[in-house]
Amino acid sequence: MKFNEKYNVSKEFEDIFVFNSKEEELEFDAQVLMFKFLEGVERSFANGPKFKKKYLAEALGKSTSFISQLYSGDKLINLLSLAKIQKSFNITFEVNAHVNSQDYKEVTEQMKLKSIPNEPEGFWVWKNQKPDYSESDDCCDFFDVSKNITAA
C-alpha cells in the first residue's frame, strides 16, 4: 500500500455509519444499547468463573443459537430478558442518561469554569517540556560555582 493511499477511507467503511433512514439509525442505536448490557453481564464474571454464552442461554430459557444471534446483532434483547438476566446472575444493571452535546463551548459553560483574575480568557494546558538552559545563565546567577568545586 502506498503512503498516500493509507489515509483514503473505503466507501464500504464509510457506509457503516451512514444511515438510509431514521429507522436504520434507531436499529443501530438499539444494537449498541444491547451490546452495552451484554458487556455488563460478561464483566460481572470478571472475578468468578469464566463467562460462557451457554449460561446466558440457560438463564433466558433460549437456545445457544439465539444467543449467537444476539451477539451478532441479528436479534435484540428485550427488557423482560434483561430482568431475567439480573435475577439469574444476581446482578443489577445501572441505567444513566445525559444530554448529548456536540458543542464544546456549551459543555464548558455547563461546567461553569471560573477564569483566573488578570489572565487572558481561555484554557491552560500543561505541556510536558524540559526547559532549555543552554542559552542563558540567568537561572544560576546566585550560585558561586567556585565554592561548589570539591577536591578529588
Protein backbone atom coordinates (compact mmCIF):
# COMPACT_ATOMS: atom_id res chain seq x y z
CA MET A 1 0.00 0.00 0.00
CA LYS A 2 1.33 3.39 -0.93
CA PHE A 3 1.68 6.02 1.78
CA ASN A 4 -0.92 8.40 0.27
CA GLU A 5 -3.44 5.55 -0.13
CA LYS A 6 -3.15 4.70 3.56
CA TYR A 7 -5.38 7.62 4.54
CA ASN A 8 -8.13 7.01 1.97
CA VAL A 9 -11.17 5.51 3.66
CA SER A 10 -13.01 2.98 1.57
CA LYS A 11 -16.66 3.56 0.72
CA GLU A 12 -17.66 0.35 2.49
CA PHE A 13 -16.21 1.61 5.75
CA GLU A 14 -17.94 4.98 5.39
CA ASP A 15 -21.27 3.23 4.77
CA ILE A 16 -21.14 1.58 8.20
CA PHE A 17 -22.13 4.84 9.91
CA VAL A 18 -24.27 6.35 7.17
CA PHE A 19 -27.92 5.50 7.63
CA ASN A 20 -30.51 5.47 4.86
CA SER A 21 -33.38 6.19 7.23
CA LYS A 22 -34.18 7.16 10.81
CA GLU A 23 -35.38 3.59 11.38
CA GLU A 24 -31.96 2.22 10.40
CA GLU A 25 -30.27 4.64 12.78
CA LEU A 26 -32.61 3.67 15.64
CA GLU A 27 -31.95 -0.02 14.95
CA PHE A 28 -28.21 0.66 15.19
CA ASP A 29 -28.66 2.58 18.47
CA ALA A 30 -30.74 -0.32 19.87
CA GLN A 31 -27.98 -2.77 19.00
CA VAL A 32 -25.36 -0.59 20.70
CA LEU A 33 -27.51 -0.44 23.86
CA MET A 34 -27.95 -4.21 23.83
CA PHE A 35 -24.21 -4.75 23.43
CA LYS A 36 -23.60 -2.50 26.45
CA PHE A 37 -25.90 -4.67 28.55
CA LEU A 38 -24.27 -7.88 27.30
CA GLU A 39 -20.85 -6.43 28.06
CA GLY A 40 -22.04 -5.68 31.58
CA VAL A 41 -23.09 -9.29 32.05
CA GLU A 42 -19.68 -10.51 30.90
CA ARG A 43 -17.89 -8.02 33.19
CA SER A 44 -19.84 -9.37 36.16
CA PHE A 45 -17.98 -12.67 35.63
CA ALA A 46 -14.56 -10.99 35.79
CA ASN A 47 -13.76 -12.21 39.31
CA GLY A 48 -15.56 -15.53 39.09
CA PRO A 49 -15.90 -18.43 36.72
CA LYS A 50 -15.33 -17.83 33.02
CA PHE A 51 -18.42 -16.47 31.24
CA LYS A 52 -19.98 -18.80 28.69
CA LYS A 53 -22.82 -17.96 26.33
CA LYS A 54 -24.38 -21.25 27.40
CA TYR A 55 -25.04 -19.71 30.85
CA LEU A 56 -26.88 -16.83 29.23
CA ALA A 57 -28.98 -19.23 27.12
CA GLU A 58 -29.96 -21.18 30.25
CA ALA A 59 -30.84 -18.00 32.16
CA LEU A 60 -33.14 -16.84 29.37
CA GLY A 61 -34.54 -20.26 28.55
CA LYS A 62 -33.31 -19.85 24.97
CA SER A 63 -31.05 -21.80 22.65
CA THR A 64 -27.35 -21.04 22.20
CA SER A 65 -28.26 -20.23 18.59
CA PHE A 66 -30.50 -17.40 19.84
CA ILE A 67 -27.64 -16.07 21.99
CA SER A 68 -25.35 -16.13 18.94
CA GLN A 69 -27.96 -14.09 17.07
CA LEU A 70 -27.93 -11.54 19.93
CA TYR A 71 -24.16 -11.22 19.78
CA SER A 72 -24.19 -10.85 16.01
CA GLY A 73 -26.84 -8.12 16.21
CA ASP A 74 -29.45 -10.13 14.30
CA LYS A 75 -31.83 -10.18 17.29
CA LEU A 76 -32.48 -7.63 20.02
CA ILE A 77 -32.86 -8.37 23.70
CA ASN A 78 -35.97 -7.07 25.45
CA LEU A 79 -36.46 -5.65 28.95
CA LEU A 80 -38.06 -8.84 30.26
CA SER A 81 -34.94 -10.76 29.23
CA LEU A 82 -32.74 -8.19 30.97
CA ALA A 83 -34.79 -8.67 34.15
CA LYS A 84 -34.30 -12.45 33.88
CA ILE A 85 -30.55 -11.94 33.49
CA GLN A 86 -30.45 -9.77 36.62
CA LYS A 87 -32.24 -12.42 38.67
CA SER A 88 -30.27 -15.36 37.26
CA PHE A 89 -26.82 -13.86 37.71
CA ASN A 90 -27.61 -11.81 40.84
CA ILE A 91 -26.55 -8.56 39.19
CA THR A 92 -28.13 -5.14 38.78
CA PHE A 93 -27.94 -3.05 35.64
CA GLU A 94 -27.46 0.67 36.14
CA VAL A 95 -29.03 2.99 33.60
CA ASN A 96 -27.79 6.57 33.28
CA ALA A 97 -28.95 9.29 30.95
CA HIS A 98 -27.24 12.52 29.96
CA VAL A 99 -27.76 15.13 27.30
CA ASN A 100 -25.52 14.72 24.26
CA SER A 101 -23.70 17.88 23.25
CA GLN A 102 -21.52 18.41 20.21
CA ASP A 103 -20.58 21.94 21.12
CA TYR A 104 -17.54 22.15 23.40
CA LYS A 105 -18.46 25.69 24.44
CA GLU A 106 -21.81 24.50 25.78
CA VAL A 107 -20.08 21.82 27.83
CA THR A 108 -17.63 24.26 29.38
CA GLU A 109 -20.43 26.70 30.20
CA GLN A 110 -22.30 23.90 31.95
CA MET A 111 -19.17 23.16 33.98
CA LYS A 112 -19.10 26.87 34.97
CA LEU A 113 -15.36 27.28 34.68
CA LYS A 114 -14.05 30.30 36.53
CA SER A 115 -11.37 32.42 34.93
CA ILE A 116 -8.23 33.37 36.80
CA PRO A 117 -8.07 37.11 37.59
CA ASN A 118 -5.69 39.13 35.39
CA GLU A 119 -5.26 36.22 32.97
CA PRO A 120 -6.43 36.06 29.37
CA GLU A 121 -9.57 34.05 28.71
CA GLY A 122 -9.08 30.53 27.51
CA PHE A 123 -7.83 27.25 28.84
CA TRP A 124 -4.48 26.40 30.33
CA VAL A 125 -2.87 23.25 29.01
CA TRP A 126 0.08 21.51 30.66
CA LYS A 127 2.84 20.87 28.17
CA ASN A 128 5.48 18.50 29.48
CA GLN A 129 8.59 20.10 28.04
CA LYS A 130 12.04 20.31 29.55
CA PRO A 131 13.41 23.86 29.69
CA ASP A 132 16.48 24.67 27.65
CA TYR A 133 19.08 26.20 29.99
CA SER A 134 21.91 26.07 27.49
CA GLU A 135 21.19 29.55 26.08
CA SER A 136 21.25 31.53 29.29
CA ASP A 137 22.85 31.51 32.71
CA ASP A 138 20.03 33.56 34.25
CA CYS A 139 18.94 30.68 36.45
CA CYS A 140 22.38 30.33 38.01
CA ASP A 141 23.26 33.97 38.87
CA PHE A 142 23.05 33.41 42.60
CA PHE A 143 25.35 30.36 42.63
CA ASP A 144 29.06 30.76 43.14
CA VAL A 145 30.37 27.85 41.11
CA SER A 146 33.89 28.16 42.61
CA LYS A 147 32.60 27.21 46.09
CA ASN A 148 30.95 24.02 44.83
CA ILE A 149 34.16 22.50 43.45
CA THR A 150 35.39 19.64 45.57
CA ALA A 151 38.94 18.37 45.75
CA ALA A 152 39.47 14.97 44.20
